[in-house]
Amino acid sequence: MSGEYETSEKQDTNHNSSKTPMKIWYHQIYTNGIHPDARFPRNRYVKLLDRLKSHERSDLFSFNEPEEVLKSDLLMAHDPKYVDDFLSGNLTEKEIKRIGLTPWTPDIIPRTRYLMGGATAALEQVVEYGGIAGNMAGGTHHAHYDFGSGYCIFNDLAVCALLVLEKYGFDRVAILDFDVHQGDGTATILQNVNNALTISVHCQENFPFRKSVSDHDLPISADATIDEYLAKVEEAITLATEFNPDIILYQAGVDGLATDSLGKLNLTRDAMKQRNRMVFDVSLKYSIPTVVFMGGGYSKPISHTIDAFTDLFVDAALTNGKMVIEKL
């Protein structure tokens, strides 16, 4: 795989894709909006930003600061009472505990609005210009219609899927969720939306222990080999392409790494690269606009997570350069 990666970079240099950098969104509150004593590894966001800005191909990226999401966008996928209770700081202790970003801080509210704003901004980018864009946070697939769960408050994937169909007027959107945990909230919110295809490749023996029903669930066992995992990924991508989507929303969690404290799988960094390239190859081949959502990543040490997310965004940016050039 290293040879393929070097070839891709040489081809990208020849195409001078630095003239068409991939837009990604980041706000310092992604990190600072979580309490420093929280179990959640909040520093992964700023560490990834520093890594990408110092990367030898930093010219591939355009870093942008999001605005707060519109309340009307949140209401596309969520219960008005739940939205109002969260935004006004009136969630119950039980609701907060289910989300899990404790100790809770009032900064969670603006953090969530900016995080969701990054997702909708990345979507707007690919709707207007095609190619690939990403948010350096999110992939909040455990948020359901009227409650949050598993570090997720609002569901950025579901919100973006409904914006694709109802605001931007596209016919079909596919959600490829390759986080190690099932995209249960996305599945329930979009279960009756025929033109949104939900596909989840996840570890069967992992959270959530009561699974929802996606359009296509492709579970794998904790002792699965890398080849078995990549075969499931290929199956998922085939299902997505047969759906002929206008846009792909890619939940690219890297918590399947063997080093991940919450993952239970045994994937290598190279396996993650292969997985991502399989997705981006389809985006390129069929010129499908694609939004990248980070998803989970909790390795110990966290540097393994940062490595995998760096690979994700670099490969996304390389592919974006080729897509934009071909469009021109």
C-alpha atoms as a PDB file:
ATOM      1  CA  MET A   1       0.000   0.000   0.000  1.00  0.00           C
ATOM      2  CA  SER A   2       2.867   2.410   0.638  1.00  0.00           C
ATOM      3  CA  GLY A   3       3.782   2.280  -3.032  1.00  0.00           C
ATOM      4  CA  GLU A   4       0.244   3.184  -4.046  1.00  0.00           C
ATOM      5  CA  TYR A   5       0.273   6.083  -1.607  1.00  0.00           C
ATOM      6  CA  GLU A   6       3.505   7.466  -3.027  1.00  0.00           C
ATOM      7  CA  THR A   7       2.161   7.162  -6.569  1.00  0.00           C
ATOM      8  CA  SER A   8      -1.012   9.014  -5.581  1.00  0.00           C
ATOM      9  CA  GLU A   9       1.030  11.843  -4.100  1.00  0.00           C
ATOM     10  CA  LYS A  10       3.208  12.108  -7.213  1.00  0.00           C
ATOM     11  CA  GLN A  11       0.151  12.197  -9.456  1.00  0.00           C
ATOM     12  CA  ASP A  12      -1.414  14.787  -7.201  1.00  0.00           C
ATOM     13  CA  THR A  13       1.695  16.956  -7.379  1.00  0.00           C
ATOM     14  CA  ASN A  14       1.636  16.766 -11.170  1.00  0.00           C
ATOM     15  CA  HIS A  15      -1.974  17.927 -11.152  1.00  0.00           C
ATOM     16  CA  ASN A  16      -1.011  20.753  -8.787  1.00  0.00           C
ATOM     17  CA  SER A  17      -4.022  20.069  -6.588  1.00  0.00           C
ATOM     18  CA  SER A  18      -2.821  22.615  -4.033  1.00  0.00           C
ATOM     19  CA  LYS A  19      -4.747  25.083  -6.200  1.00  0.00           C
ATOM     20  CA  THR A  20      -7.905  23.210  -5.227  1.00  0.00           C
ATOM     21  CA  PRO A  21      -7.445  22.538  -1.492  1.00  0.00           C
ATOM     22  CA  MET A  22     -10.076  20.571   0.398  1.00  0.00           C
ATOM     23  CA  LYS A  23     -12.122  22.673   2.786  1.00  0.00           C
ATOM     24  CA  ILE A  24     -12.345  21.387   6.322  1.00  0.00           C
ATOM     25  CA  TRP A  25     -13.977  23.016   9.303  1.00  0.00           C
ATOM     26  CA  TYR A  26     -12.565  23.422  12.798  1.00  0.00           C
ATOM     27  CA  HIS A  27     -13.305  25.608  15.818  1.00  0.00           C
ATOM     28  CA  GLN A  28     -11.238  25.770  19.001  1.00  0.00           C
ATOM     29  CA  ILE A  29     -14.402  25.091  20.979  1.00  0.00           C
ATOM     30  CA  TYR A  30     -14.386  21.541  19.553  1.00  0.00           C
ATOM     31  CA  THR A  31     -11.649  20.977  22.128  1.00  0.00           C
ATOM     32  CA  ASN A  32     -12.294  23.666  24.723  1.00  0.00           C
ATOM     33  CA  GLY A  33     -16.038  23.079  24.931  1.00  0.00           C
ATOM     34  CA  ILE A  34     -15.491  19.741  26.706  1.00  0.00           C
ATOM     35  CA  HIS A  35     -14.495  19.776  30.368  1.00  0.00           C
ATOM     36  CA  PRO A  36     -10.774  18.958  30.801  1.00  0.00           C
ATOM     37  CA  ASP A  37     -11.671  16.256  33.330  1.00  0.00           C
ATOM     38  CA  ALA A  38     -14.048  14.452  30.971  1.00  0.00           C
ATOM     39  CA  ARG A  39     -13.242  10.878  30.024  1.00  0.00           C
ATOM     40  CA  PHE A  40     -13.639  11.862  26.387  1.00  0.00           C
ATOM     41  CA  PRO A  41     -10.217  12.625  24.812  1.00  0.00           C
ATOM     42  CA  ARG A  42     -10.956  16.225  23.887  1.00  0.00           C
ATOM     43  CA  ASN A  43      -7.381  17.042  22.849  1.00  0.00           C
ATOM     44  CA  ARG A  44      -7.624  14.817  19.790  1.00  0.00           C
ATOM     45  CA  TYR A  45      -9.179  17.715  17.864  1.00  0.00           C
ATOM     46  CA  VAL A  46      -6.473  20.297  18.448  1.00  0.00           C
ATOM     47  CA  LYS A  47      -3.769  17.635  18.057  1.00  0.00           C
ATOM     48  CA  LEU A  48      -5.182  16.720  14.645  1.00  0.00           C
ATOM     49  CA  LEU A  49      -5.326  20.373  13.630  1.00  0.00           C
ATOM     50  CA  ASP A  50      -1.669  20.824  14.593  1.00  0.00           C
ATOM     51  CA  ARG A  51      -0.707  17.653  12.724  1.00  0.00           C
ATOM     52  CA  LEU A  52      -2.457  18.703   9.508  1.00  0.00           C
ATOM     53  CA  LYS A  53      -1.094  22.232   9.627  1.00  0.00           C
ATOM     54  CA  SER A  54       2.454  20.907  10.039  1.00  0.00           C
ATOM     55  CA  HIS A  55       2.050  18.099   7.487  1.00  0.00           C
ATOM     56  CA  GLU A  56       4.266  18.143   4.408  1.00  0.00           C
ATOM     57  CA  ARG A  57       1.087  18.375   2.327  1.00  0.00           C
ATOM     58  CA  SER A  58      -0.631  21.046   4.378  1.00  0.00           C
ATOM     59  CA  ASP A  59      -1.183  22.840   1.073  1.00  0.00           C
ATOM     60  CA  LEU A  60      -3.945  20.310   0.409  1.00  0.00           C
ATOM     61  CA  PHE A  61      -6.172  21.895   3.064  1.00  0.00           C
ATOM     62  CA  SER A  62      -8.192  25.042   3.516  1.00  0.00           C
ATOM     63  CA  PHE A  63      -9.036  25.461   7.222  1.00  0.00           C
ATOM     64  CA  ASN A  64     -12.326  27.195   7.949  1.00  0.00           C
ATOM     65  CA  GLU A  65     -14.150  28.226  11.113  1.00  0.00           C
ATOM     66  CA  PRO A  66     -17.831  27.292  11.197  1.00  0.00           C
ATOM     67  CA  GLU A  67     -20.773  29.381  12.285  1.00  0.00           C
ATOM     68  CA  GLU A  68     -23.311  28.058  14.751  1.00  0.00           C
ATOM     69  CA  VAL A  69     -25.877  25.746  13.219  1.00  0.00           C
ATOM     70  CA  LEU A  70     -29.339  27.098  12.562  1.00  0.00           C
ATOM     71  CA  LYS A  71     -31.965  25.842  14.978  1.00  0.00           C
ATOM     72  CA  SER A  72     -34.157  25.071  11.967  1.00  0.00           C
ATOM     73  CA  ASP A  73     -31.479  22.638  10.735  1.00  0.00           C
ATOM     74  CA  LEU A  74     -31.516  20.799  14.054  1.00  0.00           C
ATOM     75  CA  LEU A  75     -35.294  20.496  13.809  1.00  0.00           C
ATOM     76  CA  MET A  76     -34.908  18.645  10.526  1.00  0.00           C
ATOM     77  CA  ALA A  77     -33.969  15.535  12.524  1.00  0.00           C
ATOM     78  CA  HIS A  78     -34.832  16.195  16.168  1.00  0.00           C
ATOM     79  CA  ASP A  79     -37.750  16.654  18.520  1.00  0.00           C
ATOM     80  CA  PRO A  80     -38.476  20.364  19.176  1.00  0.00           C
ATOM     81  CA  LYS A  81     -38.721  19.842  22.938  1.00  0.00           C
ATOM     82  CA  TYR A  82     -35.380  18.044  23.068  1.00  0.00           C
ATOM     83  CA  VAL A  83     -33.763  20.773  20.970  1.00  0.00           C
ATOM     84  CA  ASP A  84     -35.193  23.523  23.170  1.00  0.00           C
ATOM     85  CA  ASP A  85     -34.268  21.742  26.412  1.00  0.00           C
ATOM     86  CA  PHE A  86     -30.667  21.325  25.300  1.00  0.00           C
ATOM     87  CA  LEU A  87     -30.213  24.836  23.925  1.00  0.00           C
ATOM     88  CA  SER A  88     -31.710  26.370  27.084  1.00  0.00           C
ATOM     89  CA  GLY A  89     -29.565  24.200  29.380  1.00  0.00           C
ATOM     90  CA  ASN A  90     -32.532  22.304  30.765  1.00  0.00           C
ATOM     91  CA  LEU A  91     -31.610  18.678  30.135  1.00  0.00           C
ATOM     92  CA  THR A  92     -32.162  16.416  33.126  1.00  0.00           C
ATOM     93  CA  GLU A  93     -29.294  14.717  34.940  1.00  0.00           C
ATOM     94  CA  LYS A  94     -30.465  11.413  33.478  1.00  0.00           C
ATOM     95  CA  GLU A  95     -30.332  12.820  29.949  1.00  0.00           C
ATOM     96  CA  ILE A  96     -26.872  14.276  30.539  1.00  0.00           C
ATOM     97  CA  LYS A  97     -25.580  11.018  31.978  1.00  0.00           C
ATOM     98  CA  ARG A  98     -26.828   9.128  28.915  1.00  0.00           C
ATOM     99  CA  ILE A  99     -24.835  11.465  26.672  1.00  0.00           C
ATOM    100  CA  GLY A 100     -21.731  10.991  28.760  1.00  0.00           C
ATOM    101  CA  LEU A 101     -19.671  14.140  28.177  1.00  0.00           C
ATOM    102  CA  THR A 102     -19.306  14.700  31.894  1.00  0.00           C
ATOM    103  CA  PRO A 103     -18.381  16.702  33.881  1.00  0.00           C
ATOM    104  CA  TRP A 104     -20.966  18.815  32.047  1.00  0.00           C
ATOM    105  CA  THR A 105     -20.089  22.403  31.227  1.00  0.00           C
ATOM    106  CA  PRO A 106     -22.239  25.237  29.801  1.00  0.00           C
ATOM    107  CA  ASP A 107     -19.739  25.421  26.922  1.00  0.00           C
ATOM    108  CA  ILE A 108     -21.212  22.148  25.637  1.00  0.00           C
ATOM    109  CA  ILE A 109     -24.098  24.166  24.186  1.00  0.00           C
ATOM    110  CA  PRO A 110     -22.099  26.498  21.890  1.00  0.00           C
ATOM    111  CA  ARG A 111     -19.678  23.645  21.176  1.00  0.00           C
ATOM    112  CA  THR A 112     -22.519  21.533  19.841  1.00  0.00           C
ATOM    113  CA  ARG A 113     -23.893  24.374  17.740  1.00  0.00           C
ATOM    114  CA  TYR A 114     -20.486  25.033  16.177  1.00  0.00           C
ATOM    115  CA  LEU A 115     -19.830  21.320  15.663  1.00  0.00           C
ATOM    116  CA  MET A 116     -23.143  20.922  13.854  1.00  0.00           C
ATOM    117  CA  GLY A 117     -22.409  24.104  11.917  1.00  0.00           C
ATOM    118  CA  GLY A 118     -19.171  22.580  10.688  1.00  0.00           C
ATOM    119  CA  ALA A 119     -21.078  19.603   9.327  1.00  0.00           C
ATOM    120  CA  THR A 120     -23.693  21.668   7.521  1.00  0.00           C
ATOM    121  CA  ALA A 121     -21.009  23.986   6.125  1.00  0.00           C
ATOM    122  CA  ALA A 122     -19.078  21.033   4.708  1.00  0.00           C
ATOM    123  CA  LEU A 123     -22.295  19.735   3.175  1.00  0.00           C
ATOM    124  CA  GLU A 124     -23.060  23.100   1.608  1.00  0.00           C
ATOM    125  CA  GLN A 125     -19.553  23.143   0.138  1.00  0.00           C
ATOM    126  CA  VAL A 126     -19.938  19.832  -1.718  1.00  0.00           C
ATOM    127  CA  VAL A 127     -23.499  20.629  -2.776  1.00  0.00           C
ATOM    128  CA  GLU A 128     -22.298  23.785  -4.484  1.00  0.00           C
ATOM    129  CA  TYR A 129     -18.875  22.735  -5.752  1.00  0.00           C
ATOM    130  CA  GLY A 130     -18.711  18.932  -5.642  1.00  0.00           C
ATOM    131  CA  GLY A 131     -15.610  17.099  -4.477  1.00  0.00           C
ATOM    132  CA  ILE A 132     -14.932  16.234  -0.840  1.00  0.00           C
ATOM    133  CA  ALA A 133     -15.154  18.372   2.287  1.00  0.00           C
ATOM    134  CA  GLY A 134     -14.981  17.505   5.954  1.00  0.00           C
ATOM    135  CA  ASN A 135     -15.627  18.494   9.528  1.00  0.00           C
ATOM    136  CA  MET A 136     -12.861  17.916  12.066  1.00  0.00           C
ATOM    137  CA  ALA A 137     -15.355  16.574  14.605  1.00  0.00           C
ATOM    138  CA  GLY A 138     -18.769  14.973  14.564  1.00  0.00           C
ATOM    139  CA  GLY A 139     -20.043  11.745  13.143  1.00  0.00           C
ATOM    140  CA  THR A 140     -22.521  11.875  16.037  1.00  0.00           C
ATOM    141  CA  HIS A 141     -24.448   8.777  15.030  1.00  0.00           C
ATOM    142  CA  HIS A 142     -25.704   7.739  18.495  1.00  0.00           C
ATOM    143  CA  ALA A 143     -27.981  10.784  18.825  1.00  0.00           C
ATOM    144  CA  HIS A 144     -31.630   9.821  18.355  1.00  0.00           C
ATOM    145  CA  TYR A 145     -34.688  11.903  17.526  1.00  0.00           C
ATOM    146  CA  ASP A 146     -35.419  12.936  21.108  1.00  0.00           C
ATOM    147  CA  PHE A 147     -32.369  12.016  23.155  1.00  0.00           C
ATOM    148  CA  GLY A 148     -28.595  11.964  23.038  1.00  0.00           C
ATOM    149  CA  SER A 149     -26.360   8.989  23.742  1.00  0.00           C
ATOM    150  CA  GLY A 150     -22.776   7.780  23.556  1.00  0.00           C
ATOM    151  CA  TYR A 151     -21.071  11.207  23.444  1.00  0.00           C
ATOM    152  CA  CYS A 152     -23.581  12.373  20.791  1.00  0.00           C
ATOM    153  CA  ILE A 153     -26.101  15.198  21.320  1.00  0.00           C
ATOM    154  CA  PHE A 154     -27.510  15.925  17.858  1.00  0.00           C
ATOM    155  CA  ASN A 155     -27.093  13.673  14.838  1.00  0.00           C
ATOM    156  CA  ASP A 156     -25.078  15.522  12.197  1.00  0.00           C
ATOM    157  CA  LEU A 157     -25.378  12.663   9.686  1.00  0.00           C
ATOM    158  CA  ALA A 158     -29.171  12.588   9.893  1.00  0.00           C
ATOM    159  CA  VAL A 159     -29.448  16.379   9.771  1.00  0.00           C
ATOM    160  CA  CYS A 160     -27.225  16.516   6.684  1.00  0.00           C
ATOM    161  CA  ALA A 161     -29.087  13.651   5.003  1.00  0.00           C
ATOM    162  CA  LEU A 162     -32.405  15.422   5.424  1.00  0.00           C
ATOM    163  CA  LEU A 163     -30.919  18.720   4.248  1.00  0.00           C
ATOM    164  CA  VAL A 164     -29.682  16.928   1.114  1.00  0.00           C
ATOM    165  CA  LEU A 165     -33.182  15.722   0.329  1.00  0.00           C
ATOM    166  CA  GLU A 166     -35.432  18.485   1.612  1.00  0.00           C
ATOM    167  CA  LYS A 167     -33.406  21.701   1.332  1.00  0.00           C
ATOM    168  CA  TYR A 168     -31.064  20.991  -1.555  1.00  0.00           C
ATOM    169  CA  GLY A 169     -33.470  18.841  -3.569  1.00  0.00           C
ATOM    170  CA  PHE A 170     -31.264  15.848  -4.339  1.00  0.00           C
ATOM    171  CA  ASP A 171     -32.890  12.485  -4.951  1.00  0.00           C
ATOM    172  CA  ARG A 172     -30.704  10.061  -2.973  1.00  0.00           C
ATOM    173  CA  VAL A 173     -28.148  10.200  -0.188  1.00  0.00           C
ATOM    174  CA  ALA A 174     -26.092   7.307   1.173  1.00  0.00           C
ATOM    175  CA  ILE A 175     -24.628   7.148   4.673  1.00  0.00           C
ATOM    176  CA  LEU A 176     -21.566   4.921   4.940  1.00  0.00           C
ATOM    177  CA  ASP A 177     -20.895   4.419   8.642  1.00  0.00           C
ATOM    178  CA  PHE A 178     -17.631   2.570   9.314  1.00  0.00           C
ATOM    179  CA  ASP A 179     -17.263   3.515  12.974  1.00  0.00           C
ATOM    180  CA  VAL A 180     -16.687   0.474  15.175  1.00  0.00           C
ATOM    181  CA  HIS A 181     -20.025   1.215  16.875  1.00  0.00           C
ATOM    182  CA  GLN A 182     -23.322   0.874  15.034  1.00  0.00           C
ATOM    183  CA  GLY A 183     -24.959   4.049  13.738  1.00  0.00           C
ATOM    184  CA  ASP A 184     -28.082   3.387  15.770  1.00  0.00           C
ATOM    185  CA  GLY A 185     -29.398   6.946  16.018  1.00  0.00           C
ATOM    186  CA  THR A 186     -28.946   7.568  12.310  1.00  0.00           C
ATOM    187  CA  ALA A 187     -30.833   4.341  11.571  1.00  0.00           C
ATOM    188  CA  THR A 188     -33.823   5.253  13.725  1.00  0.00           C
ATOM    189  CA  ILE A 189     -34.119   8.860  12.568  1.00  0.00           C
ATOM    190  CA  LEU A 190     -33.951   7.905   8.888  1.00  0.00           C
ATOM    191  CA  GLN A 191     -35.821   4.588   9.098  1.00  0.00           C
ATOM    192  CA  ASN A 192     -38.830   5.870   7.139  1.00  0.00           C
ATOM    193  CA  VAL A 193     -36.885   8.047   4.691  1.00  0.00           C
ATOM    194  CA  ASN A 194     -36.752   5.924   1.561  1.00  0.00           C
ATOM    195  CA  ASN A 195     -34.243   8.085  -0.293  1.00  0.00           C
ATOM    196  CA  ALA A 196     -31.665   7.976   2.499  1.00  0.00           C
ATOM    197  CA  LEU A 197     -29.702   4.718   2.602  1.00  0.00           C
ATOM    198  CA  THR A 198     -28.124   3.839   5.956  1.00  0.00           C
ATOM    199  CA  ILE A 199     -25.272   1.307   5.935  1.00  0.00           C
ATOM    200  CA  SER A 200     -23.358   0.379   9.088  1.00  0.00           C
ATOM    201  CA  VAL A 201     -20.253  -1.809   9.347  1.00  0.00           C
ATOM    202  CA  HIS A 202     -19.614  -2.304  13.049  1.00  0.00           C
ATOM    203  CA  CYS A 203     -18.425  -4.678  15.743  1.00  0.00           C
ATOM    204  CA  GLN A 204     -21.310  -6.903  16.788  1.00  0.00           C
ATOM    205  CA  GLU A 205     -20.077  -7.229  20.378  1.00  0.00           C
ATOM    206  CA  ASN A 206     -19.781  -3.501  20.993  1.00  0.00           C
ATOM    207  CA  PHE A 207     -21.947  -0.536  22.017  1.00  0.00           C
ATOM    208  CA  PRO A 208     -24.838  -0.032  21.483  1.00  0.00           C
ATOM    209  CA  PHE A 209     -25.748  -3.424  22.878  1.00  0.00           C
ATOM    210  CA  ARG A 210     -29.338  -3.055  21.718  1.00  0.00           C
ATOM    211  CA  LYS A 211     -28.879  -2.463  18.015  1.00  0.00           C
ATOM    212  CA  SER A 212     -31.209  -0.472  15.790  1.00  0.00           C
ATOM    213  CA  VAL A 213     -32.083  -1.567  12.260  1.00  0.00           C
ATOM    214  CA  SER A 214     -30.223   0.191   9.439  1.00  0.00           C
ATOM    215  CA  ASP A 215     -31.127  -0.369   5.810  1.00  0.00           C
ATOM    216  CA  HIS A 216     -28.038  -2.566   5.736  1.00  0.00           C
ATOM    217  CA  ASP A 217     -26.267  -3.733   8.882  1.00  0.00           C
ATOM    218  CA  LEU A 218     -22.997  -5.562   8.256  1.00  0.00           C
ATOM    219  CA  PRO A 219     -21.762  -6.611  11.696  1.00  0.00           C
ATOM    220  CA  ILE A 220     -18.413  -8.274  12.249  1.00  0.00           C
ATOM    221  CA  SER A 221     -17.127 -10.230  15.211  1.00  0.00           C
ATOM    222  CA  ALA A 222     -14.452  -8.938  17.541  1.00  0.00           C
ATOM    223  CA  ASP A 223     -12.040 -11.618  16.315  1.00  0.00           C
ATOM    224  CA  ALA A 224     -12.528 -10.823  12.614  1.00  0.00           C
ATOM    225  CA  THR A 225      -9.436 -10.673  10.423  1.00  0.00           C
ATOM    226  CA  ILE A 226      -8.494  -7.598   8.439  1.00  0.00           C
ATOM    227  CA  ASP A 227      -9.473  -9.377   5.229  1.00  0.00           C
ATOM    228  CA  GLU A 228     -12.899 -10.174   6.674  1.00  0.00           C
ATOM    229  CA  TYR A 229     -13.322  -6.575   7.730  1.00  0.00           C
ATOM    230  CA  LEU A 230     -12.340  -5.171   4.335  1.00  0.00           C
ATOM    231  CA  ALA A 231     -14.704  -7.631   2.643  1.00  0.00           C
ATOM    232  CA  LYS A 232     -17.558  -6.123   4.680  1.00  0.00           C
ATOM    233  CA  VAL A 233     -16.396  -2.648   3.682  1.00  0.00           C
ATOM    234  CA  GLU A 234     -16.415  -3.683   0.037  1.00  0.00           C
ATOM    235  CA  GLU A 235     -19.911  -5.113   0.425  1.00  0.00           C
ATOM    236  CA  ALA A 236     -21.095  -1.864   1.999  1.00  0.00           C
ATOM    237  CA  ILE A 237     -19.593   0.238  -0.779  1.00  0.00           C
ATOM    238  CA  THR A 238     -21.191  -1.990  -3.417  1.00  0.00           C
ATOM    239  CA  LEU A 239     -24.587  -1.524  -1.766  1.00  0.00           C
ATOM    240  CA  ALA A 240     -24.056   2.219  -1.726  1.00  0.00           C
ATOM    241  CA  THR A 241     -23.057   2.455  -5.377  1.00  0.00           C
ATOM    242  CA  GLU A 242     -26.011   0.289  -6.439  1.00  0.00           C
ATOM    243  CA  PHE A 243     -28.230   2.866  -4.719  1.00  0.00           C
ATOM    244  CA  ASN A 244     -26.765   5.479  -7.112  1.00  0.00           C
ATOM    245  CA  PRO A 245     -26.480   8.260  -4.509  1.00  0.00           C
ATOM    246  CA  ASP A 246     -26.140  11.920  -5.361  1.00  0.00           C
ATOM    247  CA  ILE A 247     -24.096  12.506  -2.191  1.00  0.00           C
ATOM    248  CA  ILE A 248     -22.202  10.260   0.247  1.00  0.00           C
ATOM    249  CA  LEU A 249     -21.957  11.036   3.949  1.00  0.00           C
ATOM    250  CA  TYR A 250     -18.970   9.116   5.295  1.00  0.00           C
ATOM    251  CA  GLN A 251     -18.723   8.406   9.025  1.00  0.00           C
ATOM    252  CA  ALA A 252     -15.024   7.561   9.179  1.00  0.00           C
ATOM    253  CA  GLY A 253     -14.448   6.606  12.810  1.00  0.00           C
ATOM    254  CA  VAL A 254     -11.033   5.055  13.477  1.00  0.00           C
ATOM    255  CA  ASP A 255     -11.996   3.318  16.714  1.00  0.00           C
ATOM    256  CA  GLY A 256     -11.558  -0.052  15.048  1.00  0.00           C
ATOM    257  CA  LEU A 257      -7.806   0.245  15.582  1.00  0.00           C
ATOM    258  CA  ALA A 258      -6.266  -2.455  17.742  1.00  0.00           C
ATOM    259  CA  THR A 259      -4.919   0.316  19.992  1.00  0.00           C
ATOM    260  CA  ASP A 260      -8.379   1.776  20.646  1.00  0.00           C
ATOM    261  CA  SER A 261      -9.640   1.565  24.213  1.00  0.00           C
ATOM    262  CA  LEU A 262     -13.287   1.225  23.117  1.00  0.00           C
ATOM    263  CA  GLY A 263     -12.955  -0.647  19.848  1.00  0.00           C
ATOM    264  CA  LYS A 264     -12.564  -4.417  20.383  1.00  0.00           C
ATOM    265  CA  LEU A 265     -11.295  -4.904  16.803  1.00  0.00           C
ATOM    266  CA  ASN A 266      -7.727  -5.526  15.668  1.00  0.00           C
ATOM    267  CA  LEU A 267      -7.339  -3.231  12.687  1.00  0.00           C
ATOM    268  CA  THR A 268      -4.022  -1.688  11.678  1.00  0.00           C
ATOM    269  CA  ARG A 269      -3.338   1.809  10.458  1.00  0.00           C
ATOM    270  CA  ASP A 270      -2.792   0.401   6.984  1.00  0.00           C
ATOM    271  CA  ALA A 271      -6.180  -1.340   7.063  1.00  0.00           C
ATOM    272  CA  MET A 272      -7.792   2.009   7.867  1.00  0.00           C
ATOM    273  CA  LYS A 273      -6.003   3.559   4.897  1.00  0.00           C
ATOM    274  CA  GLN A 274      -7.291   0.815   2.627  1.00  0.00           C
ATOM    275  CA  ARG A 275     -10.826   1.290   3.925  1.00  0.00           C
ATOM    276  CA  ASN A 276     -10.770   5.035   3.319  1.00  0.00           C
ATOM    277  CA  ARG A 277      -9.316   4.694  -0.162  1.00  0.00           C
ATOM    278  CA  MET A 278     -12.040   2.233  -1.103  1.00  0.00           C
ATOM    279  CA  VAL A 279     -14.614   4.905  -0.265  1.00  0.00           C
ATOM    280  CA  PHE A 280     -12.753   7.737  -1.962  1.00  0.00           C
ATOM    281  CA  ASP A 281     -12.103   5.660  -5.074  1.00  0.00           C
ATOM    282  CA  VAL A 282     -15.871   5.373  -5.521  1.00  0.00           C
ATOM    283  CA  SER A 283     -16.334   9.098  -4.896  1.00  0.00           C
ATOM    284  CA  LEU A 284     -13.779   9.781  -7.621  1.00  0.00           C
ATOM    285  CA  LYS A 285     -14.939   7.130 -10.099  1.00  0.00           C
ATOM    286  CA  TYR A 286     -18.572   8.257 -10.043  1.00  0.00           C
ATOM    287  CA  SER A 287     -17.963  11.929  -9.182  1.00  0.00           C
ATOM    288  CA  ILE A 288     -20.076  11.676  -6.032  1.00  0.00           C
ATOM    289  CA  PRO A 289     -19.785  14.661  -3.681  1.00  0.00           C
ATOM    290  CA  THR A 290     -18.709  13.359  -0.278  1.00  0.00           C
ATOM    291  CA  VAL A 291     -18.682  14.757   3.255  1.00  0.00           C
ATOM    292  CA  VAL A 292     -16.264  13.283   5.805  1.00  0.00           C
ATOM    293  CA  PHE A 293     -17.313  13.060   9.465  1.00  0.00           C
ATOM    294  CA  MET A 294     -14.570  12.055  11.920  1.00  0.00           C
ATOM    295  CA  GLY A 295     -16.411   9.643  14.195  1.00  0.00           C
ATOM    296  CA  GLY A 296     -14.806   7.797  17.082  1.00  0.00           C
ATOM    297  CA  GLY A 297     -11.168   7.331  18.021  1.00  0.00           C
ATOM    298  CA  TYR A 298      -9.943   6.618  21.544  1.00  0.00           C
ATOM    299  CA  SER A 299      -6.533   4.979  21.213  1.00  0.00           C
ATOM    300  CA  LYS A 300      -4.067   4.835  24.054  1.00  0.00           C
ATOM    301  CA  PRO A 301      -1.826   6.610  23.358  1.00  0.00           C
ATOM    302  CA  ILE A 302      -4.031   9.028  21.401  1.00  0.00           C
ATOM    303  CA  SER A 303      -1.240   9.474  18.828  1.00  0.00           C
ATOM    304  CA  HIS A 304      -2.474   6.333  17.043  1.00  0.00           C
ATOM    305  CA  THR A 305      -5.876   7.969  16.594  1.00  0.00           C
ATOM    306  CA  ILE A 306      -4.257  11.156  15.315  1.00  0.00           C
ATOM    307  CA  ASP A 307      -2.164   9.135  12.845  1.00  0.00           C
ATOM    308  CA  ALA A 308      -5.263   7.448  11.432  1.00  0.00           C
ATOM    309  CA  PHE A 309      -7.262  10.669  11.184  1.00  0.00           C
ATOM    310  CA  THR A 310      -4.328  12.378   9.472  1.00  0.00           C
ATOM    311  CA  ASP A 311      -4.286   9.589   6.887  1.00  0.00           C
ATOM    312  CA  LEU A 312      -8.041  10.013   6.443  1.00  0.00           C
ATOM    313  CA  PHE A 313      -7.915  13.720   5.703  1.00  0.00           C
ATOM    314  CA  VAL A 314      -4.792  13.531   3.537  1.00  0.00           C
ATOM    315  CA  ASP A 315      -6.327  10.844   1.323  1.00  0.00           C
ATOM    316  CA  ALA A 316      -9.615  12.738   1.210  1.00  0.00           C
ATOM    317  CA  ALA A 317      -7.774  15.882   0.130  1.00  0.00           C
ATOM    318  CA  LEU A 318      -5.759  14.068  -2.526  1.00  0.00           C
ATOM    319  CA  THR A 319      -8.958  12.633  -3.963  1.00  0.00           C
ATOM    320  CA  ASN A 320     -10.725  15.979  -3.771  1.00  0.00           C
ATOM    321  CA  GLY A 321      -7.970  17.540  -5.859  1.00  0.00           C
ATOM    322  CA  LYS A 322      -8.472  14.952  -8.575  1.00  0.00           C
ATOM    323  CA  MET A 323     -12.267  15.328  -8.495  1.00  0.00           C
ATOM    324  CA  VAL A 324     -12.163  19.084  -8.815  1.00  0.00           C
ATOM    325  CA  ILE A 325      -9.569  18.969 -11.607  1.00  0.00           C
ATOM    326  CA  GLU A 326     -11.637  16.420 -13.546  1.00  0.00           C
ATOM    327  CA  LYS A 327     -14.711  18.649 -13.118  1.00  0.00           C
ATOM    328  CA  LEU A 328     -12.786  21.576 -14.576  1.00  0.00           C
END
